[in-house]
Amino acid sequence: MKIAIAVCTRERPTMLKRQLEAAASLKLPDEIELDVVVVENGPNPSSSEMVVAFQKNLSIGYHTEPRVGLVFARNHAVEQALKTGAEWIGFFDDDEVVDTNWVVAMIDAMATFPEARAFAGPVDRINPETATKWYPAHKKPVGKTGIPVWRVATGNILFHRHIYAGDGLSMRFDERFNLTGGEDTHLFLRMRQRGANILWVPDAICTEFVSPERATLRARVGRGIRYMHCFGAVNQSLRGAVVGRVMNLLLSFKMLFHAASYALAGALFFLFNKERAEKYIAVSIYRLSMSIGYLLAVFVPLLPVYAKVDGN
């Protein structure tokens, strides 16, 4: 059985090299053939020589997509992965490191759930030592193998070719979300509407090392706002302008209530347990950012945040 892994990148050669080094160390059962598909996005590709150097240890192909945007890159990667004849197509982000046992864990899940058409694993985020105390340590998502999920990341997911192929669901990432984010959530929810659940595989792990620039209070609040702005836009896309906006308003009020509740708890605990109080206040700040994001979705179009490169 062949598995194709797609990695989309844009002007981040250091991160890409680290991910490819990890991919070259993947343990492969005897019956598994692995292809890696690298798609470099943007008008200034620069990683071809570095990728070619990995051909000694990997079956790897290098492709370019000059049109700027993550959706363009991912859809290009899908097309190239289908050309390999792979039965399964996965995605890793270029700023992650895949665990050595990732393929083994996914193969075990396939054997246990042979009718499944998509699997996803956790992204374990490691904060830098400089992270603000208002940026709490990441808690790796938990859950039993095989439970249906949809709030997962394209940075650690494996699809059966049926999801993309012309003789299957023929799905692609929506170009409306090309520079804004939210394209993966939109795809996952469309999959769920068509009866293609994503199943959880807790042992198929990818690790992301959070950069110091992202581990600040300002960045955390900004990402919380942006994530929920995107999710709100997805709601309105799938449910219609009126129903989607009503849902987003309700979610905004819900998050605002959570923010107030955690802030009150933090104020009460501050008198006798400062550490716990700070954790509650950090959650309150993040819930407030989520509330703002949902509210923005009702009134403001998404911004092209992925027009610029973040990382190296």
C-alpha atoms as a PDB file:
ATOM      1  CA  MET A   1       0.000   0.000   0.000  1.00  0.00           C
ATOM      2  CA  LYS A   2       1.278   3.439  -0.909  1.00  0.00           C
ATOM      3  CA  ILE A   3       0.932   6.515   1.304  1.00  0.00           C
ATOM      4  CA  ALA A   4       1.729   9.987  -0.053  1.00  0.00           C
ATOM      5  CA  ILE A   5       2.581  12.716   2.434  1.00  0.00           C
ATOM      6  CA  ALA A   6       2.182  16.330   1.268  1.00  0.00           C
ATOM      7  CA  VAL A   7       4.176  19.185   2.779  1.00  0.00           C
ATOM      8  CA  CYS A   8       3.381  22.728   1.621  1.00  0.00           C
ATOM      9  CA  THR A   9       5.975  25.403   2.276  1.00  0.00           C
ATOM     10  CA  ARG A  10       6.817  28.994   1.424  1.00  0.00           C
ATOM     11  CA  GLU A  11      10.223  30.545   2.052  1.00  0.00           C
ATOM     12  CA  ARG A  12      10.805  28.506   5.227  1.00  0.00           C
ATOM     13  CA  PRO A  13      13.757  26.256   4.322  1.00  0.00           C
ATOM     14  CA  THR A  14      14.976  25.736   7.890  1.00  0.00           C
ATOM     15  CA  MET A  15      11.589  24.483   9.058  1.00  0.00           C
ATOM     16  CA  LEU A  16      11.092  22.384   5.928  1.00  0.00           C
ATOM     17  CA  LYS A  17      14.468  20.678   6.341  1.00  0.00           C
ATOM     18  CA  ARG A  18      13.670  19.738   9.927  1.00  0.00           C
ATOM     19  CA  GLN A  19      10.341  18.205   8.880  1.00  0.00           C
ATOM     20  CA  LEU A  20      11.903  16.262   6.013  1.00  0.00           C
ATOM     21  CA  GLU A  21      14.615  14.924   8.316  1.00  0.00           C
ATOM     22  CA  ALA A  22      11.869  13.592  10.551  1.00  0.00           C
ATOM     23  CA  ALA A  23       9.977  12.128   7.579  1.00  0.00           C
ATOM     24  CA  ALA A  24      13.143  10.311   6.483  1.00  0.00           C
ATOM     25  CA  SER A  25      13.230   8.612   9.909  1.00  0.00           C
ATOM     26  CA  LEU A  26       9.665   7.269   9.784  1.00  0.00           C
ATOM     27  CA  LYS A  27       9.341   3.585  10.574  1.00  0.00           C
ATOM     28  CA  LEU A  28       7.633   1.819   7.672  1.00  0.00           C
ATOM     29  CA  PRO A  29       6.047  -1.636   7.858  1.00  0.00           C
ATOM     30  CA  ASP A  30       7.261  -3.938   5.074  1.00  0.00           C
ATOM     31  CA  GLU A  31       4.009  -3.627   3.113  1.00  0.00           C
ATOM     32  CA  ILE A  32       4.055   0.213   3.053  1.00  0.00           C
ATOM     33  CA  GLU A  33       5.540   2.431   0.361  1.00  0.00           C
ATOM     34  CA  LEU A  34       5.912   6.125   1.220  1.00  0.00           C
ATOM     35  CA  ASP A  35       6.073   9.084  -1.178  1.00  0.00           C
ATOM     36  CA  VAL A  36       6.659  12.654  -0.009  1.00  0.00           C
ATOM     37  CA  VAL A  37       5.236  15.496  -2.113  1.00  0.00           C
ATOM     38  CA  VAL A  38       6.715  18.940  -1.438  1.00  0.00           C
ATOM     39  CA  VAL A  39       4.911  21.952  -2.922  1.00  0.00           C
ATOM     40  CA  GLU A  40       6.713  25.263  -2.571  1.00  0.00           C
ATOM     41  CA  ASN A  41       4.355  28.209  -2.768  1.00  0.00           C
ATOM     42  CA  GLY A  42       4.987  31.704  -4.054  1.00  0.00           C
ATOM     43  CA  PRO A  43       6.928  33.390  -6.866  1.00  0.00           C
ATOM     44  CA  ASN A  44      10.363  32.892  -5.249  1.00  0.00           C
ATOM     45  CA  PRO A  45      10.971  29.133  -4.804  1.00  0.00           C
ATOM     46  CA  SER A  46      14.329  28.382  -3.194  1.00  0.00           C
ATOM     47  CA  SER A  47      14.199  24.898  -1.677  1.00  0.00           C
ATOM     48  CA  SER A  48      14.612  22.646  -4.714  1.00  0.00           C
ATOM     49  CA  GLU A  49      18.264  21.735  -4.090  1.00  0.00           C
ATOM     50  CA  MET A  50      17.640  21.007  -0.435  1.00  0.00           C
ATOM     51  CA  VAL A  51      14.649  18.791  -1.261  1.00  0.00           C
ATOM     52  CA  VAL A  52      16.578  16.941  -3.978  1.00  0.00           C
ATOM     53  CA  ALA A  53      19.269  16.126  -1.406  1.00  0.00           C
ATOM     54  CA  PHE A  54      16.675  14.051   0.477  1.00  0.00           C
ATOM     55  CA  GLN A  55      16.150  11.755  -2.514  1.00  0.00           C
ATOM     56  CA  LYS A  56      18.907   9.536  -1.084  1.00  0.00           C
ATOM     57  CA  ASN A  57      16.666   8.654   1.862  1.00  0.00           C
ATOM     58  CA  LEU A  58      13.158   9.403   0.647  1.00  0.00           C
ATOM     59  CA  SER A  59      10.966   8.910  -2.389  1.00  0.00           C
ATOM     60  CA  ILE A  60      10.330  12.623  -2.702  1.00  0.00           C
ATOM     61  CA  GLY A  61       9.058  14.972  -5.388  1.00  0.00           C
ATOM     62  CA  TYR A  62       9.431  18.752  -5.557  1.00  0.00           C
ATOM     63  CA  HIS A  63       6.780  20.974  -7.164  1.00  0.00           C
ATOM     64  CA  THR A  64       6.066  24.702  -7.274  1.00  0.00           C
ATOM     65  CA  GLU A  65       2.828  26.670  -7.105  1.00  0.00           C
ATOM     66  CA  PRO A  66       3.553  30.316  -8.004  1.00  0.00           C
ATOM     67  CA  ARG A  67       0.100  31.617  -7.059  1.00  0.00           C
ATOM     68  CA  VAL A  68       0.399  32.804  -3.460  1.00  0.00           C
ATOM     69  CA  GLY A  69      -1.950  31.108  -1.031  1.00  0.00           C
ATOM     70  CA  LEU A  70      -2.205  28.015   1.122  1.00  0.00           C
ATOM     71  CA  VAL A  71      -5.298  26.730  -0.674  1.00  0.00           C
ATOM     72  CA  PHE A  72      -3.538  26.915  -4.040  1.00  0.00           C
ATOM     73  CA  ALA A  73      -0.576  25.038  -2.563  1.00  0.00           C
ATOM     74  CA  ARG A  74      -2.660  22.350  -0.871  1.00  0.00           C
ATOM     75  CA  ASN A  75      -4.845  21.703  -3.903  1.00  0.00           C
ATOM     76  CA  HIS A  76      -1.714  21.466  -6.042  1.00  0.00           C
ATOM     77  CA  ALA A  77      -0.324  18.975  -3.525  1.00  0.00           C
ATOM     78  CA  VAL A  78      -3.519  16.920  -3.765  1.00  0.00           C
ATOM     79  CA  GLU A  79      -3.197  16.725  -7.546  1.00  0.00           C
ATOM     80  CA  GLN A  80       0.430  15.639  -7.337  1.00  0.00           C
ATOM     81  CA  ALA A  81      -0.281  13.091  -4.604  1.00  0.00           C
ATOM     82  CA  LEU A  82      -3.077  11.538  -6.671  1.00  0.00           C
ATOM     83  CA  LYS A  83      -0.623  11.150  -9.561  1.00  0.00           C
ATOM     84  CA  THR A  84       1.591   8.953  -7.380  1.00  0.00           C
ATOM     85  CA  GLY A  85      -1.182   6.355  -7.229  1.00  0.00           C
ATOM     86  CA  ALA A  86      -1.254   6.538  -3.448  1.00  0.00           C
ATOM     87  CA  GLU A  87      -4.220   5.010  -1.666  1.00  0.00           C
ATOM     88  CA  TRP A  88      -3.823   7.393   1.272  1.00  0.00           C
ATOM     89  CA  ILE A  89      -2.814  11.074   1.214  1.00  0.00           C
ATOM     90  CA  GLY A  90      -1.596  12.859   4.335  1.00  0.00           C
ATOM     91  CA  PHE A  91      -0.593  16.403   5.230  1.00  0.00           C
ATOM     92  CA  PHE A  92       2.131  17.699   7.552  1.00  0.00           C
ATOM     93  CA  ASP A  93       2.915  21.369   8.155  1.00  0.00           C
ATOM     94  CA  ASP A  94       6.456  22.473   7.415  1.00  0.00           C
ATOM     95  CA  ASP A  95       6.915  23.884  10.941  1.00  0.00           C
ATOM     96  CA  GLU A  96       6.286  20.514  12.607  1.00  0.00           C
ATOM     97  CA  VAL A  97       8.262  17.347  13.301  1.00  0.00           C
ATOM     98  CA  VAL A  98       6.503  14.026  12.724  1.00  0.00           C
ATOM     99  CA  ASP A  99       6.960  11.226  15.245  1.00  0.00           C
ATOM    100  CA  THR A 100       8.907   8.161  14.100  1.00  0.00           C
ATOM    101  CA  ASN A 101       5.932   5.870  14.750  1.00  0.00           C
ATOM    102  CA  TRP A 102       3.362   7.991  12.892  1.00  0.00           C
ATOM    103  CA  VAL A 103       2.874   5.591   9.974  1.00  0.00           C
ATOM    104  CA  VAL A 104       2.724   2.565  12.291  1.00  0.00           C
ATOM    105  CA  ALA A 105       0.027   4.227  14.405  1.00  0.00           C
ATOM    106  CA  MET A 106      -2.006   5.134  11.322  1.00  0.00           C
ATOM    107  CA  ILE A 107      -1.700   1.619   9.856  1.00  0.00           C
ATOM    108  CA  ASP A 108      -2.925   0.127  13.140  1.00  0.00           C
ATOM    109  CA  ALA A 109      -5.936   2.477  13.052  1.00  0.00           C
ATOM    110  CA  MET A 110      -6.698   1.486   9.446  1.00  0.00           C
ATOM    111  CA  ALA A 111      -6.689  -2.182  10.425  1.00  0.00           C
ATOM    112  CA  THR A 112      -9.030  -1.519  13.347  1.00  0.00           C
ATOM    113  CA  PHE A 113     -11.395   0.727  11.355  1.00  0.00           C
ATOM    114  CA  PRO A 114     -11.215  -0.545   7.747  1.00  0.00           C
ATOM    115  CA  GLU A 115     -14.247   1.469   6.609  1.00  0.00           C
ATOM    116  CA  ALA A 116     -12.776   4.814   7.707  1.00  0.00           C
ATOM    117  CA  ARG A 117     -11.783   7.372   5.107  1.00  0.00           C
ATOM    118  CA  ALA A 118      -9.820   9.857   7.241  1.00  0.00           C
ATOM    119  CA  PHE A 119      -7.674   9.830  10.368  1.00  0.00           C
ATOM    120  CA  ALA A 120      -6.099  12.643  12.389  1.00  0.00           C
ATOM    121  CA  GLY A 121      -3.573  12.800  15.202  1.00  0.00           C
ATOM    122  CA  PRO A 122      -2.525  15.355  17.821  1.00  0.00           C
ATOM    123  CA  VAL A 123      -0.164  18.258  17.299  1.00  0.00           C
ATOM    124  CA  ASP A 124       1.904  18.553  20.469  1.00  0.00           C
ATOM    125  CA  ARG A 125       2.997  22.187  20.800  1.00  0.00           C
ATOM    126  CA  ILE A 126       6.178  22.931  22.744  1.00  0.00           C
ATOM    127  CA  ASN A 127       6.407  26.467  24.093  1.00  0.00           C
ATOM    128  CA  PRO A 128       9.738  28.335  24.263  1.00  0.00           C
ATOM    129  CA  GLU A 129      11.243  29.240  27.622  1.00  0.00           C
ATOM    130  CA  THR A 130      10.435  32.882  26.889  1.00  0.00           C
ATOM    131  CA  ALA A 131       6.689  32.221  26.672  1.00  0.00           C
ATOM    132  CA  THR A 132       4.594  34.649  28.682  1.00  0.00           C
ATOM    133  CA  LYS A 133       2.828  33.275  31.740  1.00  0.00           C
ATOM    134  CA  TRP A 134      -0.381  34.297  29.981  1.00  0.00           C
ATOM    135  CA  TYR A 135       0.384  31.719  27.286  1.00  0.00           C
ATOM    136  CA  PRO A 136      -0.426  28.463  29.156  1.00  0.00           C
ATOM    137  CA  ALA A 137       1.405  25.229  28.404  1.00  0.00           C
ATOM    138  CA  HIS A 138      -0.245  23.270  25.610  1.00  0.00           C
ATOM    139  CA  LYS A 139      -2.409  20.342  26.652  1.00  0.00           C
ATOM    140  CA  LYS A 140      -2.213  17.544  24.107  1.00  0.00           C
ATOM    141  CA  PRO A 141      -5.721  16.530  23.013  1.00  0.00           C
ATOM    142  CA  VAL A 142      -6.827  13.212  24.440  1.00  0.00           C
ATOM    143  CA  GLY A 143      -9.359  10.634  23.304  1.00  0.00           C
ATOM    144  CA  LYS A 144      -9.631   6.991  22.371  1.00  0.00           C
ATOM    145  CA  THR A 145      -8.549   5.747  18.985  1.00  0.00           C
ATOM    146  CA  GLY A 146     -11.453   5.775  16.552  1.00  0.00           C
ATOM    147  CA  ILE A 147     -13.662   8.479  18.055  1.00  0.00           C
ATOM    148  CA  PRO A 148     -15.025  10.896  15.401  1.00  0.00           C
ATOM    149  CA  VAL A 149     -13.425  14.356  15.460  1.00  0.00           C
ATOM    150  CA  TRP A 150     -13.436  17.408  13.233  1.00  0.00           C
ATOM    151  CA  ARG A 151     -11.641  20.116  15.240  1.00  0.00           C
ATOM    152  CA  VAL A 152      -8.260  18.896  14.063  1.00  0.00           C
ATOM    153  CA  ALA A 153      -5.463  20.335  11.950  1.00  0.00           C
ATOM    154  CA  THR A 154      -4.377  19.741   8.383  1.00  0.00           C
ATOM    155  CA  GLY A 155      -0.871  19.572   9.853  1.00  0.00           C
ATOM    156  CA  ASN A 156      -1.493  16.008  11.004  1.00  0.00           C
ATOM    157  CA  ILE A 157      -4.138  14.243   8.967  1.00  0.00           C
ATOM    158  CA  LEU A 158      -4.465  11.306   6.580  1.00  0.00           C
ATOM    159  CA  PHE A 159      -7.171  11.006   3.917  1.00  0.00           C
ATOM    160  CA  HIS A 160      -8.152   8.052   1.761  1.00  0.00           C
ATOM    161  CA  ARG A 161      -7.885   8.959  -1.931  1.00  0.00           C
ATOM    162  CA  HIS A 162     -11.702   8.600  -2.069  1.00  0.00           C
ATOM    163  CA  ILE A 163     -11.980  12.068  -0.492  1.00  0.00           C
ATOM    164  CA  TYR A 164     -10.177  13.732  -3.417  1.00  0.00           C
ATOM    165  CA  ALA A 165     -10.414  11.424  -6.427  1.00  0.00           C
ATOM    166  CA  GLY A 166     -12.816  11.932  -9.314  1.00  0.00           C
ATOM    167  CA  ASP A 167     -14.389   8.536  -8.661  1.00  0.00           C
ATOM    168  CA  GLY A 168     -14.894   9.530  -5.018  1.00  0.00           C
ATOM    169  CA  LEU A 169     -16.009  12.780  -3.376  1.00  0.00           C
ATOM    170  CA  SER A 170     -13.788  15.017  -5.572  1.00  0.00           C
ATOM    171  CA  MET A 171     -13.237  17.430  -2.693  1.00  0.00           C
ATOM    172  CA  ARG A 172     -10.771  20.324  -2.676  1.00  0.00           C
ATOM    173  CA  PHE A 173      -9.906  23.150  -0.313  1.00  0.00           C
ATOM    174  CA  ASP A 174     -12.099  26.200  -0.972  1.00  0.00           C
ATOM    175  CA  GLU A 175     -10.277  29.108  -2.649  1.00  0.00           C
ATOM    176  CA  ARG A 176     -12.388  31.636  -0.759  1.00  0.00           C
ATOM    177  CA  PHE A 177     -10.153  30.892   2.246  1.00  0.00           C
ATOM    178  CA  ASN A 178      -6.888  31.023   0.293  1.00  0.00           C
ATOM    179  CA  LEU A 179      -5.146  33.742   2.332  1.00  0.00           C
ATOM    180  CA  THR A 180      -7.341  33.849   5.407  1.00  0.00           C
ATOM    181  CA  GLY A 181      -7.208  30.427   7.047  1.00  0.00           C
ATOM    182  CA  GLY A 182     -10.251  28.299   7.811  1.00  0.00           C
ATOM    183  CA  GLU A 183      -9.975  26.248   4.621  1.00  0.00           C
ATOM    184  CA  ASP A 184      -9.270  23.038   6.535  1.00  0.00           C
ATOM    185  CA  THR A 185     -12.214  23.480   8.920  1.00  0.00           C
ATOM    186  CA  HIS A 186     -14.441  24.198   5.923  1.00  0.00           C
ATOM    187  CA  LEU A 187     -13.300  20.982   4.232  1.00  0.00           C
ATOM    188  CA  PHE A 188     -13.703  18.873   7.383  1.00  0.00           C
ATOM    189  CA  LEU A 189     -17.264  20.080   7.966  1.00  0.00           C
ATOM    190  CA  ARG A 190     -18.172  19.448   4.326  1.00  0.00           C
ATOM    191  CA  MET A 191     -16.771  15.945   4.715  1.00  0.00           C
ATOM    192  CA  ARG A 192     -18.921  15.401   7.789  1.00  0.00           C
ATOM    193  CA  GLN A 193     -21.990  16.590   5.899  1.00  0.00           C
ATOM    194  CA  ARG A 194     -21.273  13.914   3.292  1.00  0.00           C
ATOM    195  CA  GLY A 195     -20.824  11.149   5.848  1.00  0.00           C
ATOM    196  CA  ALA A 196     -17.014  10.969   5.813  1.00  0.00           C
ATOM    197  CA  ASN A 197     -15.965  11.164   9.449  1.00  0.00           C
ATOM    198  CA  ILE A 198     -12.428  11.808  10.648  1.00  0.00           C
ATOM    199  CA  LEU A 199     -11.278   9.318  13.315  1.00  0.00           C
ATOM    200  CA  TRP A 200      -8.850  10.147  16.087  1.00  0.00           C
ATOM    201  CA  VAL A 201      -5.453   8.408  16.394  1.00  0.00           C
ATOM    202  CA  PRO A 202      -3.757   9.659  19.592  1.00  0.00           C
ATOM    203  CA  ASP A 203      -0.480   7.829  18.933  1.00  0.00           C
ATOM    204  CA  ALA A 204       0.084   9.454  15.512  1.00  0.00           C
ATOM    205  CA  ILE A 205       1.863  12.534  16.828  1.00  0.00           C
ATOM    206  CA  CYS A 206       3.369  15.632  15.264  1.00  0.00           C
ATOM    207  CA  THR A 207       5.277  18.188  17.331  1.00  0.00           C
ATOM    208  CA  GLU A 208       5.300  21.922  16.711  1.00  0.00           C
ATOM    209  CA  PHE A 209       7.920  24.079  18.369  1.00  0.00           C
ATOM    210  CA  VAL A 210       6.207  27.403  19.017  1.00  0.00           C
ATOM    211  CA  SER A 211       8.397  30.362  18.044  1.00  0.00           C
ATOM    212  CA  PRO A 212       9.058  33.088  20.648  1.00  0.00           C
ATOM    213  CA  GLU A 213       7.133  35.551  18.462  1.00  0.00           C
ATOM    214  CA  ARG A 214       4.000  33.434  18.777  1.00  0.00           C
ATOM    215  CA  ALA A 215       4.304  32.845  22.524  1.00  0.00           C
ATOM    216  CA  THR A 216       3.386  36.367  23.584  1.00  0.00           C
ATOM    217  CA  LEU A 217       0.130  37.653  24.994  1.00  0.00           C
ATOM    218  CA  ARG A 218      -0.437  39.882  21.969  1.00  0.00           C
ATOM    219  CA  ALA A 219       0.114  37.012  19.537  1.00  0.00           C
ATOM    220  CA  ARG A 220      -2.083  34.665  21.564  1.00  0.00           C
ATOM    221  CA  VAL A 221      -4.960  37.143  21.611  1.00  0.00           C
ATOM    222  CA  GLY A 222      -4.501  37.858  17.917  1.00  0.00           C
ATOM    223  CA  ARG A 223      -4.575  34.174  16.984  1.00  0.00           C
ATOM    224  CA  GLY A 224      -7.628  33.562  19.152  1.00  0.00           C
ATOM    225  CA  ILE A 225      -9.469  36.373  17.378  1.00  0.00           C
ATOM    226  CA  ARG A 226      -8.345  35.185  13.947  1.00  0.00           C
ATOM    227  CA  TYR A 227      -9.212  31.514  14.532  1.00  0.00           C
ATOM    228  CA  MET A 228     -12.761  32.280  15.610  1.00  0.00           C
ATOM    229  CA  HIS A 229     -13.166  34.910  12.897  1.00  0.00           C
ATOM    230  CA  CYS A 230     -12.301  32.140  10.419  1.00  0.00           C
ATOM    231  CA  PHE A 231     -14.568  29.608  12.080  1.00  0.00           C
ATOM    232  CA  GLY A 232     -17.397  32.131  12.096  1.00  0.00           C
ATOM    233  CA  ALA A 233     -16.885  32.734   8.376  1.00  0.00           C
ATOM    234  CA  VAL A 234     -17.042  28.964   7.817  1.00  0.00           C
ATOM    235  CA  ASN A 235     -20.326  28.841   9.756  1.00  0.00           C
ATOM    236  CA  GLN A 236     -21.812  31.507   7.511  1.00  0.00           C
ATOM    237  CA  SER A 237     -20.517  29.790   4.387  1.00  0.00           C
ATOM    238  CA  LEU A 238     -22.040  26.417   5.260  1.00  0.00           C
ATOM    239  CA  ARG A 239     -25.223  27.468   7.061  1.00  0.00           C
ATOM    240  CA  GLY A 240     -26.165  30.590   5.141  1.00  0.00           C
ATOM    241  CA  ALA A 241     -25.715  34.262   5.932  1.00  0.00           C
ATOM    242  CA  VAL A 242     -28.659  34.594   8.346  1.00  0.00           C
ATOM    243  CA  VAL A 243     -28.418  31.322  10.284  1.00  0.00           C
ATOM    244  CA  GLY A 244     -24.616  31.523  10.343  1.00  0.00           C
ATOM    245  CA  ARG A 245     -24.631  35.040  11.753  1.00  0.00           C
ATOM    246  CA  VAL A 246     -27.167  34.154  14.434  1.00  0.00           C
ATOM    247  CA  MET A 247     -25.017  31.166  15.419  1.00  0.00           C
ATOM    248  CA  ASN A 248     -21.914  33.362  15.569  1.00  0.00           C
ATOM    249  CA  LEU A 249     -23.653  35.916  17.776  1.00  0.00           C
ATOM    250  CA  LEU A 250     -24.721  33.161  20.163  1.00  0.00           C
ATOM    251  CA  LEU A 251     -21.202  31.732  20.223  1.00  0.00           C
ATOM    252  CA  SER A 252     -19.793  35.217  20.855  1.00  0.00           C
ATOM    253  CA  PHE A 253     -22.085  35.678  23.860  1.00  0.00           C
ATOM    254  CA  LYS A 254     -21.206  32.193  25.114  1.00  0.00           C
ATOM    255  CA  MET A 255     -17.470  32.916  24.968  1.00  0.00           C
ATOM    256  CA  LEU A 256     -18.027  36.292  26.633  1.00  0.00           C
ATOM    257  CA  PHE A 257     -19.847  34.543  29.488  1.00  0.00           C
ATOM    258  CA  HIS A 258     -16.966  32.060  29.806  1.00  0.00           C
ATOM    259  CA  ALA A 259     -14.471  34.934  29.865  1.00  0.00           C
ATOM    260  CA  ALA A 260     -16.352  36.678  32.665  1.00  0.00           C
ATOM    261  CA  SER A 261     -16.670  33.429  34.651  1.00  0.00           C
ATOM    262  CA  TYR A 262     -12.949  32.619  34.424  1.00  0.00           C
ATOM    263  CA  ALA A 263     -12.032  36.218  35.267  1.00  0.00           C
ATOM    264  CA  LEU A 264     -14.206  36.051  38.397  1.00  0.00           C
ATOM    265  CA  ALA A 265     -12.676  32.712  39.379  1.00  0.00           C
ATOM    266  CA  GLY A 266      -9.205  34.161  38.844  1.00  0.00           C
ATOM    267  CA  ALA A 267     -10.002  37.154  41.046  1.00  0.00           C
ATOM    268  CA  LEU A 268     -11.249  34.876  43.844  1.00  0.00           C
ATOM    269  CA  PHE A 269      -8.291  32.490  43.694  1.00  0.00           C
ATOM    270  CA  PHE A 270      -5.764  35.335  43.532  1.00  0.00           C
ATOM    271  CA  LEU A 271      -6.042  35.786  47.280  1.00  0.00           C
ATOM    272  CA  PHE A 272      -4.764  32.300  48.193  1.00  0.00           C
ATOM    273  CA  ASN A 273      -3.502  30.532  45.019  1.00  0.00           C
ATOM    274  CA  LYS A 274      -1.787  32.958  42.664  1.00  0.00           C
ATOM    275  CA  GLU A 275      -0.651  30.291  40.192  1.00  0.00           C
ATOM    276  CA  ARG A 276      -4.157  28.939  39.660  1.00  0.00           C
ATOM    277  CA  ALA A 277      -5.545  32.466  39.502  1.00  0.00           C
ATOM    278  CA  GLU A 278      -3.165  33.318  36.661  1.00  0.00           C
ATOM    279  CA  LYS A 279      -4.247  30.198  34.750  1.00  0.00           C
ATOM    280  CA  TYR A 280      -7.899  31.203  35.073  1.00  0.00           C
ATOM    281  CA  ILE A 281      -7.141  34.752  33.955  1.00  0.00           C
ATOM    282  CA  ALA A 282      -5.174  33.439  30.956  1.00  0.00           C
ATOM    283  CA  VAL A 283      -8.177  31.328  29.933  1.00  0.00           C
ATOM    284  CA  SER A 284     -10.432  34.354  30.432  1.00  0.00           C
ATOM    285  CA  ILE A 285      -8.281  36.449  28.080  1.00  0.00           C
ATOM    286  CA  TYR A 286      -8.347  33.744  25.418  1.00  0.00           C
ATOM    287  CA  ARG A 287     -12.119  33.262  25.716  1.00  0.00           C
ATOM    288  CA  LEU A 288     -12.540  37.020  25.312  1.00  0.00           C
ATOM    289  CA  SER A 289     -10.462  36.912  22.125  1.00  0.00           C
ATOM    290  CA  MET A 290     -12.689  34.084  20.854  1.00  0.00           C
ATOM    291  CA  SER A 291     -15.776  36.158  21.589  1.00  0.00           C
ATOM    292  CA  ILE A 292     -14.338  39.058  19.598  1.00  0.00           C
ATOM    293  CA  GLY A 293     -13.515  36.735  16.703  1.00  0.00           C
ATOM    294  CA  TYR A 294     -17.051  35.372  16.439  1.00  0.00           C
ATOM    295  CA  LEU A 295     -18.438  38.899  16.614  1.00  0.00           C
ATOM    296  CA  LEU A 296     -16.111  40.079  13.843  1.00  0.00           C
ATOM    297  CA  ALA A 297     -17.347  37.257  11.619  1.00  0.00           C
ATOM    298  CA  VAL A 298     -20.835  38.763  11.751  1.00  0.00           C
ATOM    299  CA  PHE A 299     -19.757  42.174  10.498  1.00  0.00           C
ATOM    300  CA  VAL A 300     -16.232  42.079   8.998  1.00  0.00           C
ATOM    301  CA  PRO A 301     -14.800  40.055   6.069  1.00  0.00           C
ATOM    302  CA  LEU A 302     -11.756  37.882   6.709  1.00  0.00           C
ATOM    303  CA  LEU A 303      -8.330  39.486   6.329  1.00  0.00           C
ATOM    304  CA  PRO A 304      -5.548  38.030   4.115  1.00  0.00           C
ATOM    305  CA  VAL A 305      -3.216  37.174   6.997  1.00  0.00           C
ATOM    306  CA  TYR A 306      -1.310  34.524   5.016  1.00  0.00           C
ATOM    307  CA  ALA A 307      -0.089  37.003   2.419  1.00  0.00           C
ATOM    308  CA  LYS A 308       3.116  37.348   4.483  1.00  0.00           C
ATOM    309  CA  VAL A 309       5.601  34.651   5.452  1.00  0.00           C
ATOM    310  CA  ASP A 310       5.788  33.736   9.151  1.00  0.00           C
ATOM    311  CA  GLY A 311       8.949  31.830  10.045  1.00  0.00           C
ATOM    312  CA  ASN A 312      12.131  30.806   8.261  1.00  0.00           C
END
